[in-house]
PDB file of N, CA and C in Angstrom:
ATOM      1  N   MET A   1      77.614 -39.992 -42.836  1.00  0.00           N
ATOM      2  CA  MET A   1      77.458 -40.818 -43.528  1.00  0.00           C
ATOM      3  C   MET A   1      79.270 -41.289 -43.402  1.00  0.00           C
ATOM      4  N   ASN A   2      79.130 -42.656 -43.186  1.00  0.00           N
ATOM      5  CA  ASN A   2      80.534 -43.602 -43.408  1.00  0.00           C
ATOM      6  C   ASN A   2      80.574 -43.615 -44.622  1.00  0.00           C
ATOM      7  N   LYS A   3      82.057 -44.551 -44.639  1.00  0.00           N
ATOM      8  CA  LYS A   3      82.514 -44.674 -46.066  1.00  0.00           C
ATOM      9  C   LYS A   3      81.532 -45.797 -46.696  1.00  0.00           C
ATOM     10  N   GLU A   4      81.229 -46.553 -45.783  1.00  0.00           N
ATOM     11  CA  GLU A   4      80.254 -47.836 -46.431  1.00  0.00           C
ATOM     12  C   GLU A   4      79.372 -47.395 -47.197  1.00  0.00           C
ATOM     13  N   GLU A   5      78.557 -46.471 -46.168  1.00  0.00           N
ATOM     14  CA  GLU A   5      77.067 -46.203 -46.594  1.00  0.00           C
ATOM     15  C   GLU A   5      77.013 -45.258 -47.724  1.00  0.00           C
ATOM     16  N   LEU A   6      78.562 -44.256 -47.923  1.00  0.00           N
ATOM     17  CA  LEU A   6      78.495 -43.688 -49.261  1.00  0.00           C
ATOM     18  C   LEU A   6      78.459 -44.744 -50.534  1.00  0.00           C
ATOM     19  N   ALA A   7      79.661 -45.464 -50.204  1.00  0.00           N
ATOM     20  CA  ALA A   7      79.861 -46.443 -51.316  1.00  0.00           C
ATOM     21  C   ALA A   7      78.924 -47.020 -51.837  1.00  0.00           C
ATOM     22  N   LEU A   8      77.766 -47.473 -50.688  1.00  0.00           N
ATOM     23  CA  LEU A   8      76.581 -48.152 -51.337  1.00  0.00           C
ATOM     24  C   LEU A   8      75.799 -47.266 -52.221  1.00  0.00           C
ATOM     25  N   GLU A   9      75.477 -46.003 -51.536  1.00  0.00           N
ATOM     26  CA  GLU A   9      74.761 -45.014 -51.941  1.00  0.00           C
ATOM     27  C   GLU A   9      75.118 -44.893 -53.840  1.00  0.00           C
ATOM     28  N   LYS A  10      76.801 -44.895 -54.172  1.00  0.00           N
ATOM     29  CA  LYS A  10      76.638 -44.729 -55.403  1.00  0.00           C
ATOM     30  C   LYS A  10      76.687 -45.970 -56.153  1.00  0.00           C
ATOM     31  N   VAL A  11      76.792 -47.156 -54.911  1.00  0.00           N
ATOM     32  CA  VAL A  11      76.495 -48.325 -56.124  1.00  0.00           C
ATOM     33  C   VAL A  11      74.866 -48.303 -56.322  1.00  0.00           C
ATOM     34  N   ARG A  12      74.145 -48.056 -55.734  1.00  0.00           N
ATOM     35  CA  ARG A  12      72.585 -47.427 -55.948  1.00  0.00           C
ATOM     36  C   ARG A  12      72.015 -46.766 -57.305  1.00  0.00           C
ATOM     37  N   GLU A  13      73.213 -45.517 -56.940  1.00  0.00           N
ATOM     38  CA  GLU A  13      73.327 -44.698 -57.799  1.00  0.00           C
ATOM     39  C   GLU A  13      73.277 -45.103 -59.032  1.00  0.00           C
ATOM     40  N   ALA A  14      74.491 -45.915 -59.239  1.00  0.00           N
ATOM     41  CA  ALA A  14      74.677 -46.690 -60.809  1.00  0.00           C
ATOM     42  C   ALA A  14      74.320 -47.494 -61.127  1.00  0.00           C
ATOM     43  N   LEU A  15      73.518 -48.436 -60.156  1.00  0.00           N
ATOM     44  CA  LEU A  15      72.409 -49.051 -60.891  1.00  0.00           C
ATOM     45  C   LEU A  15      71.192 -48.603 -61.273  1.00  0.00           C
ATOM     46  N   ALA A  16      70.609 -46.954 -60.898  1.00  0.00           N
ATOM     47  CA  ALA A  16      69.194 -46.483 -61.341  1.00  0.00           C
ATOM     48  C   ALA A  16      69.687 -46.213 -62.487  1.00  0.00           C
ATOM     49  N   ALA A  17      71.124 -45.694 -62.356  1.00  0.00           N
ATOM     50  CA  ALA A  17      71.515 -45.001 -64.258  1.00  0.00           C
ATOM     51  C   ALA A  17      71.304 -46.166 -65.048  1.00  0.00           C
ATOM     52  N   LEU A  18      71.739 -47.326 -64.593  1.00  0.00           N
ATOM     53  CA  LEU A  18      72.244 -48.524 -65.439  1.00  0.00           C
ATOM     54  C   LEU A  18      70.611 -49.049 -65.608  1.00  0.00           C
ATOM     55  N   ALA A  19      69.643 -49.066 -64.953  1.00  0.00           N
ATOM     56  CA  ALA A  19      68.288 -49.246 -65.577  1.00  0.00           C
ATOM     57  C   ALA A  19      67.686 -48.300 -66.168  1.00  0.00           C
ATOM     58  N   ILE A  20      68.044 -47.311 -66.028  1.00  0.00           N
ATOM     59  CA  ILE A  20      67.465 -46.267 -67.080  1.00  0.00           C
ATOM     60  C   ILE A  20      68.014 -46.268 -68.582  1.00  0.00           C
ATOM     61  N   GLU A  21      69.062 -46.783 -68.853  1.00  0.00           N
ATOM     62  CA  GLU A  21      69.887 -47.107 -69.974  1.00  0.00           C
ATOM     63  C   GLU A  21      69.435 -48.156 -70.571  1.00  0.00           C
ATOM     64  N   THR A  22      69.419 -49.340 -69.651  1.00  0.00           N
ATOM     65  CA  THR A  22      68.895 -50.137 -70.077  1.00  0.00           C
ATOM     66  C   THR A  22      67.452 -50.172 -70.898  1.00  0.00           C
ATOM     67  N   ASN A  23      66.794 -49.358 -70.266  1.00  0.00           N
ATOM     68  CA  ASN A  23      64.923 -49.660 -70.475  1.00  0.00           C
ATOM     69  C   ASN A  23      65.119 -48.630 -72.191  1.00  0.00           C
ATOM     70  N   LYS A  24      66.004 -48.261 -72.437  1.00  0.00           N
ATOM     71  CA  LYS A  24      65.768 -47.355 -73.856  1.00  0.00           C
ATOM     72  C   LYS A  24      65.715 -48.393 -74.678  1.00  0.00           C
ATOM     73  N   PRO A  25      65.204 -47.991 -76.036  1.00  0.00           N
ATOM     74  CA  PRO A  25      65.412 -49.276 -77.093  1.00  0.00           C
ATOM     75  C   PRO A  25      66.913 -49.485 -77.549  1.00  0.00           C
ATOM     76  N   PRO A  26      66.713 -50.870 -77.339  1.00  0.00           N
ATOM     77  CA  PRO A  26      68.391 -51.135 -77.946  1.00  0.00           C
ATOM     78  C   PRO A  26      69.093 -50.290 -79.369  1.00  0.00           C
ATOM     79  N   SER A  27      68.069 -49.613 -80.328  1.00  0.00           N
ATOM     80  CA  SER A  27      68.750 -48.597 -81.387  1.00  0.00           C
ATOM     81  C   SER A  27      69.039 -47.405 -80.665  1.00  0.00           C
ATOM     82  N   GLU A  28      68.563 -46.916 -79.488  1.00  0.00           N
ATOM     83  CA  GLU A  28      69.398 -45.642 -78.684  1.00  0.00           C
ATOM     84  C   GLU A  28      70.661 -45.823 -77.712  1.00  0.00           C
ATOM     85  N   ARG A  29      70.922 -47.393 -77.861  1.00  0.00           N
ATOM     86  CA  ARG A  29      72.003 -47.470 -76.775  1.00  0.00           C
ATOM     87  C   ARG A  29      73.384 -47.643 -77.904  1.00  0.00           C
ATOM     88  N   THR A  30      73.946 -46.711 -77.828  1.00  0.00           N
ATOM     89  CA  THR A  30      74.988 -46.763 -78.844  1.00  0.00           C
ATOM     90  C   THR A  30      75.856 -47.296 -78.423  1.00  0.00           C
ATOM     91  N   PHE A  31      76.534 -47.363 -77.245  1.00  0.00           N
ATOM     92  CA  PHE A  31      77.648 -47.909 -76.769  1.00  0.00           C
ATOM     93  C   PHE A  31      77.324 -49.463 -75.686  1.00  0.00           C
ATOM     94  N   LEU A  32      76.114 -49.388 -75.546  1.00  0.00           N
ATOM     95  CA  LEU A  32      76.101 -50.372 -74.228  1.00  0.00           C
ATOM     96  C   LEU A  32      75.268 -51.637 -74.701  1.00  0.00           C
ATOM     97  N   LYS A  33      75.784 -52.500 -74.852  1.00  0.00           N
ATOM     98  CA  LYS A  33      75.622 -54.018 -75.351  1.00  0.00           C
ATOM     99  C   LYS A  33      75.093 -54.549 -74.404  1.00  0.00           C
ATOM    100  N   ASP A  34      73.715 -55.781 -74.551  1.00  0.00           N
ATOM    101  CA  ASP A  34      72.618 -56.579 -73.060  1.00  0.00           C
ATOM    102  C   ASP A  34      73.768 -57.175 -72.561  1.00  0.00           C
ATOM    103  N   GLU A  35      74.714 -57.465 -73.439  1.00  0.00           N
ATOM    104  CA  GLU A  35      75.861 -58.930 -72.380  1.00  0.00           C
ATOM    105  C   GLU A  35      76.460 -57.719 -71.496  1.00  0.00           C
ATOM    106  N   GLN A  36      76.970 -56.783 -71.890  1.00  0.00           N
ATOM    107  CA  GLN A  36      77.464 -55.736 -70.704  1.00  0.00           C
ATOM    108  C   GLN A  36      76.774 -55.250 -69.687  1.00  0.00           C
ATOM    109  N   ALA A  37      75.317 -54.583 -70.290  1.00  0.00           N
ATOM    110  CA  ALA A  37      74.299 -54.448 -69.090  1.00  0.00           C
ATOM    111  C   ALA A  37      74.215 -55.088 -68.097  1.00  0.00           C
ATOM    112  N   GLU A  38      73.948 -56.609 -68.516  1.00  0.00           N
ATOM    113  CA  GLU A  38      73.391 -57.632 -67.488  1.00  0.00           C
ATOM    114  C   GLU A  38      74.970 -57.735 -66.502  1.00  0.00           C
ATOM    115  N   LEU A  39      76.489 -58.010 -67.060  1.00  0.00           N
ATOM    116  CA  LEU A  39      77.267 -58.380 -66.382  1.00  0.00           C
ATOM    117  C   LEU A  39      77.504 -57.026 -65.390  1.00  0.00           C
ATOM    118  N   ILE A  40      77.345 -55.653 -65.768  1.00  0.00           N
ATOM    119  CA  ILE A  40      77.312 -54.742 -64.864  1.00  0.00           C
ATOM    120  C   ILE A  40      76.358 -54.730 -64.112  1.00  0.00           C
ATOM    121  N   ARG A  41      75.274 -54.898 -64.419  1.00  0.00           N
ATOM    122  CA  ARG A  41      74.478 -54.704 -62.995  1.00  0.00           C
ATOM    123  C   ARG A  41      74.438 -56.050 -62.084  1.00  0.00           C
ATOM    124  N   LYS A  42      74.817 -57.380 -62.538  1.00  0.00           N
ATOM    125  CA  LYS A  42      75.115 -58.443 -61.437  1.00  0.00           C
ATOM    126  C   LYS A  42      76.511 -57.801 -60.623  1.00  0.00           C
ATOM    127  N   THR A  43      77.293 -57.318 -61.168  1.00  0.00           N
ATOM    128  CA  THR A  43      78.288 -57.061 -60.245  1.00  0.00           C
ATOM    129  C   THR A  43      78.368 -55.759 -59.523  1.00  0.00           C
ATOM    130  N   LEU A  44      77.215 -54.916 -59.652  1.00  0.00           N
ATOM    131  CA  LEU A  44      76.958 -53.962 -59.177  1.00  0.00           C
ATOM    132  C   LEU A  44      75.796 -54.681 -57.818  1.00  0.00           C
ATOM    133  N   GLU A  45      75.067 -55.052 -57.967  1.00  0.00           N
ATOM    134  CA  GLU A  45      74.294 -55.841 -57.112  1.00  0.00           C
ATOM    135  C   GLU A  45      74.962 -57.032 -56.057  1.00  0.00           C
ATOM    136  N   ARG A  46      76.202 -57.066 -56.749  1.00  0.00           N
ATOM    137  CA  ARG A  46      76.961 -57.901 -55.821  1.00  0.00           C
ATOM    138  C   ARG A  46      77.813 -56.944 -54.894  1.00  0.00           C
ATOM    139  N   MET A  47      78.410 -56.007 -55.072  1.00  0.00           N
ATOM    140  CA  MET A  47      78.799 -55.214 -54.342  1.00  0.00           C
ATOM    141  C   MET A  47      77.607 -54.435 -53.667  1.00  0.00           C
ATOM    142  N   ALA A  48      76.473 -54.559 -53.706  1.00  0.00           N
ATOM    143  CA  ALA A  48      75.656 -53.480 -53.287  1.00  0.00           C
ATOM    144  C   ALA A  48      74.905 -54.641 -51.826  1.00  0.00           C
ATOM    145  N   HIS A  49      75.303 -56.092 -52.365  1.00  0.00           N
ATOM    146  CA  HIS A  49      74.984 -57.243 -51.122  1.00  0.00           C
ATOM    147  C   HIS A  49      76.269 -57.309 -50.182  1.00  0.00           C
ATOM    148  N   GLN A  50      77.186 -57.229 -50.421  1.00  0.00           N
ATOM    149  CA  GLN A  50      78.528 -56.762 -49.883  1.00  0.00           C
ATOM    150  C   GLN A  50      78.613 -55.866 -48.766  1.00  0.00           C
ATOM    151  N   LEU A  51      78.121 -54.611 -49.489  1.00  0.00           N
ATOM    152  CA  LEU A  51      77.818 -53.679 -48.811  1.00  0.00           C
ATOM    153  C   LEU A  51      76.831 -53.852 -47.762  1.00  0.00           C
ATOM    154  N   GLU A  52      75.609 -54.211 -47.752  1.00  0.00           N
ATOM    155  CA  GLU A  52      74.380 -54.290 -47.288  1.00  0.00           C
ATOM    156  C   GLU A  52      74.913 -55.355 -45.990  1.00  0.00           C
ATOM    157  N   GLN A  53      75.482 -56.182 -46.050  1.00  0.00           N
ATOM    158  CA  GLN A  53      75.739 -57.548 -45.065  1.00  0.00           C
ATOM    159  C   GLN A  53      77.056 -56.934 -44.619  1.00  0.00           C
ATOM    160  N   LYS A  54      77.788 -56.094 -44.823  1.00  0.00           N
ATOM    161  CA  LYS A  54      79.114 -55.601 -44.340  1.00  0.00           C
ATOM    162  C   LYS A  54      79.805 -56.949 -44.017  1.00  0.00           C
ATOM    163  N   SER A  55      80.165 -57.410 -45.423  1.00  0.00           N
ATOM    164  CA  SER A  55      80.849 -58.899 -45.590  1.00  0.00           C
ATOM    165  C   SER A  55      81.745 -58.742 -47.026  1.00  0.00           C
ATOM    166  N   LEU A  56      82.535 -57.284 -46.961  1.00  0.00           N
ATOM    167  CA  LEU A  56      83.650 -57.122 -47.829  1.00  0.00           C
ATOM    168  C   LEU A  56      84.682 -58.133 -48.078  1.00  0.00           C
ATOM    169  N   PRO A  57      84.889 -58.611 -49.250  1.00  0.00           N
ATOM    170  CA  PRO A  57      86.146 -59.549 -49.384  1.00  0.00           C
ATOM    171  C   PRO A  57      87.289 -58.390 -49.246  1.00  0.00           C
ATOM    172  N   PRO A  58      88.421 -59.254 -48.712  1.00  0.00           N
ATOM    173  CA  PRO A  58      89.948 -58.382 -48.988  1.00  0.00           C
ATOM    174  C   PRO A  58      89.534 -57.807 -49.479  1.00  0.00           C
ATOM    175  N   ALA A  59      90.830 -56.296 -49.828  1.00  0.00           N
ATOM    176  CA  ALA A  59      90.590 -55.642 -51.020  1.00  0.00           C
ATOM    177  C   ALA A  59      91.296 -55.908 -52.323  1.00  0.00           C
ATOM    178  N   LYS A  60      92.123 -56.866 -52.301  1.00  0.00           N
ATOM    179  CA  LYS A  60      92.865 -57.303 -53.385  1.00  0.00           C
ATOM    180  C   LYS A  60      91.816 -58.163 -54.208  1.00  0.00           C
ATOM    181  N   GLU A  61      90.833 -58.418 -53.255  1.00  0.00           N
ATOM    182  CA  GLU A  61      89.752 -59.279 -54.203  1.00  0.00           C
ATOM    183  C   GLU A  61      88.549 -58.706 -54.411  1.00  0.00           C
ATOM    184  N   ARG A  62      88.114 -57.610 -54.234  1.00  0.00           N
ATOM    185  CA  ARG A  62      87.147 -56.939 -54.791  1.00  0.00           C
ATOM    186  C   ARG A  62      87.018 -56.702 -56.117  1.00  0.00           C
ATOM    187  N   GLU A  63      85.790 -56.051 -56.668  1.00  0.00           N
ATOM    188  CA  GLU A  63      85.339 -56.094 -58.001  1.00  0.00           C
ATOM    189  C   GLU A  63      86.290 -54.929 -58.818  1.00  0.00           C
ATOM    190  N   ARG A  64      86.776 -55.021 -59.870  1.00  0.00           N
ATOM    191  CA  ARG A  64      87.582 -54.311 -60.555  1.00  0.00           C
ATOM    192  C   ARG A  64      87.281 -54.471 -61.859  1.00  0.00           C
ATOM    193  N   SER A  65      86.386 -54.561 -62.712  1.00  0.00           N
ATOM    194  CA  SER A  65      85.905 -55.125 -64.091  1.00  0.00           C
ATOM    195  C   SER A  65      85.458 -53.644 -64.814  1.00  0.00           C
ATOM    196  N   LEU A  66      84.704 -52.798 -63.912  1.00  0.00           N
ATOM    197  CA  LEU A  66      83.615 -51.872 -64.854  1.00  0.00           C
ATOM    198  C   LEU A  66      84.488 -51.029 -65.511  1.00  0.00           C
ATOM    199  N   GLY A  67      85.626 -50.873 -64.751  1.00  0.00           N
ATOM    200  CA  GLY A  67      86.689 -49.548 -65.350  1.00  0.00           C
ATOM    201  C   GLY A  67      86.880 -49.941 -66.719  1.00  0.00           C
ATOM    202  N   ARG A  68      87.474 -51.573 -66.872  1.00  0.00           N
ATOM    203  CA  ARG A  68      88.084 -51.916 -67.919  1.00  0.00           C
ATOM    204  C   ARG A  68      86.912 -52.033 -69.151  1.00  0.00           C
ATOM    205  N   ILE A  69      85.597 -52.511 -68.788  1.00  0.00           N
ATOM    206  CA  ILE A  69      84.626 -52.502 -69.758  1.00  0.00           C
ATOM    207  C   ILE A  69      84.347 -50.914 -70.427  1.00  0.00           C
ATOM    208  N   ILE A  70      84.165 -50.068 -69.181  1.00  0.00           N
ATOM    209  CA  ILE A  70      84.329 -48.281 -69.827  1.00  0.00           C
ATOM    210  C   ILE A  70      85.107 -47.900 -70.673  1.00  0.00           C
ATOM    211  N   CYS A  71      86.541 -48.177 -70.610  1.00  0.00           N
ATOM    212  CA  CYS A  71      87.668 -47.228 -71.027  1.00  0.00           C
ATOM    213  C   CYS A  71      87.914 -48.284 -72.338  1.00  0.00           C
ATOM    214  N   ASP A  72      87.546 -49.481 -72.744  1.00  0.00           N
ATOM    215  CA  ASP A  72      87.786 -49.780 -73.924  1.00  0.00           C
ATOM    216  C   ASP A  72      86.639 -49.764 -74.842  1.00  0.00           C
ATOM    217  N   SER A  73      85.233 -49.229 -74.525  1.00  0.00           N
ATOM    218  CA  SER A  73      84.873 -49.208 -75.806  1.00  0.00           C
ATOM    219  C   SER A  73      83.526 -47.942 -75.567  1.00  0.00           C
ATOM    220  N   TRP A  74      83.081 -47.369 -74.395  1.00  0.00           N
ATOM    221  CA  TRP A  74      82.849 -46.146 -74.105  1.00  0.00           C
ATOM    222  C   TRP A  74      82.901 -44.898 -74.547  1.00  0.00           C
ATOM    223  N   PRO A  75      82.146 -44.033 -74.822  1.00  0.00           N
ATOM    224  CA  PRO A  75      82.531 -42.681 -75.186  1.00  0.00           C
ATOM    225  C   PRO A  75      83.000 -41.649 -73.662  1.00  0.00           C
ATOM    226  N   LEU A  76      83.965 -41.078 -73.793  1.00  0.00           N
ATOM    227  CA  LEU A  76      84.562 -40.216 -72.639  1.00  0.00           C
ATOM    228  C   LEU A  76      83.883 -39.619 -72.129  1.00  0.00           C
ATOM    229  N   ASP A  77      82.617 -38.894 -72.494  1.00  0.00           N
ATOM    230  CA  ASP A  77      81.902 -38.364 -71.968  1.00  0.00           C
ATOM    231  C   ASP A  77      80.475 -38.846 -71.068  1.00  0.00           C
ATOM    232  N   CYS A  78      80.327 -39.900 -71.190  1.00  0.00           N
ATOM    233  CA  CYS A  78      79.684 -40.634 -70.777  1.00  0.00           C
ATOM    234  C   CYS A  78      79.552 -40.844 -69.286  1.00  0.00           C
ATOM    235  N   ARG A  79      77.944 -40.104 -68.744  1.00  0.00           N
ATOM    236  CA  ARG A  79      77.733 -39.974 -67.669  1.00  0.00           C
ATOM    237  C   ARG A  79      77.453 -41.440 -66.832  1.00  0.00           C
ATOM    238  N   LEU A  80      76.849 -42.486 -67.314  1.00  0.00           N
ATOM    239  CA  LEU A  80      76.612 -43.604 -66.645  1.00  0.00           C
ATOM    240  C   LEU A  80      78.093 -44.154 -66.758  1.00  0.00           C
ATOM    241  N   GLY A  81      78.847 -44.003 -67.784  1.00  0.00           N
ATOM    242  CA  GLY A  81      80.673 -44.465 -67.282  1.00  0.00           C
ATOM    243  C   GLY A  81      81.095 -43.613 -66.053  1.00  0.00           C
ATOM    244  N   GLU A  82      80.822 -42.473 -65.879  1.00  0.00           N
ATOM    245  CA  GLU A  82      81.677 -41.811 -64.757  1.00  0.00           C
ATOM    246  C   GLU A  82      80.769 -42.423 -63.101  1.00  0.00           C
ATOM    247  N   LEU A  83      79.834 -42.716 -63.166  1.00  0.00           N
ATOM    248  CA  LEU A  83      78.930 -43.035 -62.298  1.00  0.00           C
ATOM    249  C   LEU A  83      79.428 -44.689 -61.907  1.00  0.00           C
ATOM    250  N   LEU A  84      79.993 -45.436 -62.811  1.00  0.00           N
ATOM    251  CA  LEU A  84      80.055 -46.577 -62.293  1.00  0.00           C
ATOM    252  C   LEU A  84      81.277 -46.822 -61.483  1.00  0.00           C
ATOM    253  N   ILE A  85      82.197 -45.939 -62.730  1.00  0.00           N
ATOM    254  CA  ILE A  85      83.868 -45.900 -62.010  1.00  0.00           C
ATOM    255  C   ILE A  85      83.656 -45.734 -60.866  1.00  0.00           C
ATOM    256  N   ASP A  86      83.110 -44.238 -60.393  1.00  0.00           N
ATOM    257  CA  ASP A  86      82.923 -43.997 -59.456  1.00  0.00           C
ATOM    258  C   ASP A  86      82.710 -44.615 -58.029  1.00  0.00           C
ATOM    259  N   ALA A  87      81.473 -45.520 -58.313  1.00  0.00           N
ATOM    260  CA  ALA A  87      81.013 -46.417 -57.620  1.00  0.00           C
ATOM    261  C   ALA A  87      81.959 -47.184 -57.016  1.00  0.00           C
ATOM    262  N   GLU A  88      82.689 -47.980 -58.261  1.00  0.00           N
ATOM    263  CA  GLU A  88      83.359 -48.615 -58.169  1.00  0.00           C
ATOM    264  C   GLU A  88      85.122 -48.383 -57.444  1.00  0.00           C
ATOM    265  N   ASN A  89      85.528 -47.254 -57.329  1.00  0.00           N
ATOM    266  CA  ASN A  89      86.450 -46.560 -56.890  1.00  0.00           C
ATOM    267  C   ASN A  89      86.006 -46.654 -55.818  1.00  0.00           C
ATOM    268  N   THR A  90      85.039 -46.628 -55.155  1.00  0.00           N
ATOM    269  CA  THR A  90      84.745 -45.996 -53.778  1.00  0.00           C
ATOM    270  C   THR A  90      84.538 -47.543 -52.907  1.00  0.00           C
ATOM    271  N   TYR A  91      83.936 -48.263 -53.673  1.00  0.00           N
ATOM    272  CA  TYR A  91      83.777 -49.383 -53.210  1.00  0.00           C
ATOM    273  C   TYR A  91      85.300 -50.215 -53.023  1.00  0.00           C
ATOM    274  N   ARG A  92      85.931 -50.246 -53.961  1.00  0.00           N
ATOM    275  CA  ARG A  92      87.165 -51.168 -53.893  1.00  0.00           C
ATOM    276  C   ARG A  92      88.467 -50.029 -52.661  1.00  0.00           C
ATOM    277  N   LEU A  93      88.077 -48.853 -52.278  1.00  0.00           N
ATOM    278  CA  LEU A  93      89.144 -48.310 -51.386  1.00  0.00           C
ATOM    279  C   LEU A  93      88.350 -48.305 -50.116  1.00  0.00           C
ATOM    280  N   LEU A  94      87.770 -48.585 -50.047  1.00  0.00           N
ATOM    281  CA  LEU A  94      87.047 -49.139 -48.489  1.00  0.00           C
ATOM    282  C   LEU A  94      88.003 -49.984 -47.491  1.00  0.00           C
TER     283      LEU A  94
END
């Protein structure tokens, strides 16, 4: 598996984990707001599309917003947060 395929796999894994979290009733989502979930989903989908099309923007122009959202208000031991940061970092470092 090359680096691009690994990045795509991680982005897809993060999208799947996000879908599981957003399918929970809002009362069970203590840290993820609907607006955040939508922004994260769109960001991950854009990253996946770029990886699938092999049309990555220059490194300095790649997505960098997920880590900021997570570090700002999410618990430190959040598995979804770990998956999102890992996917974003793998994508950015290509």
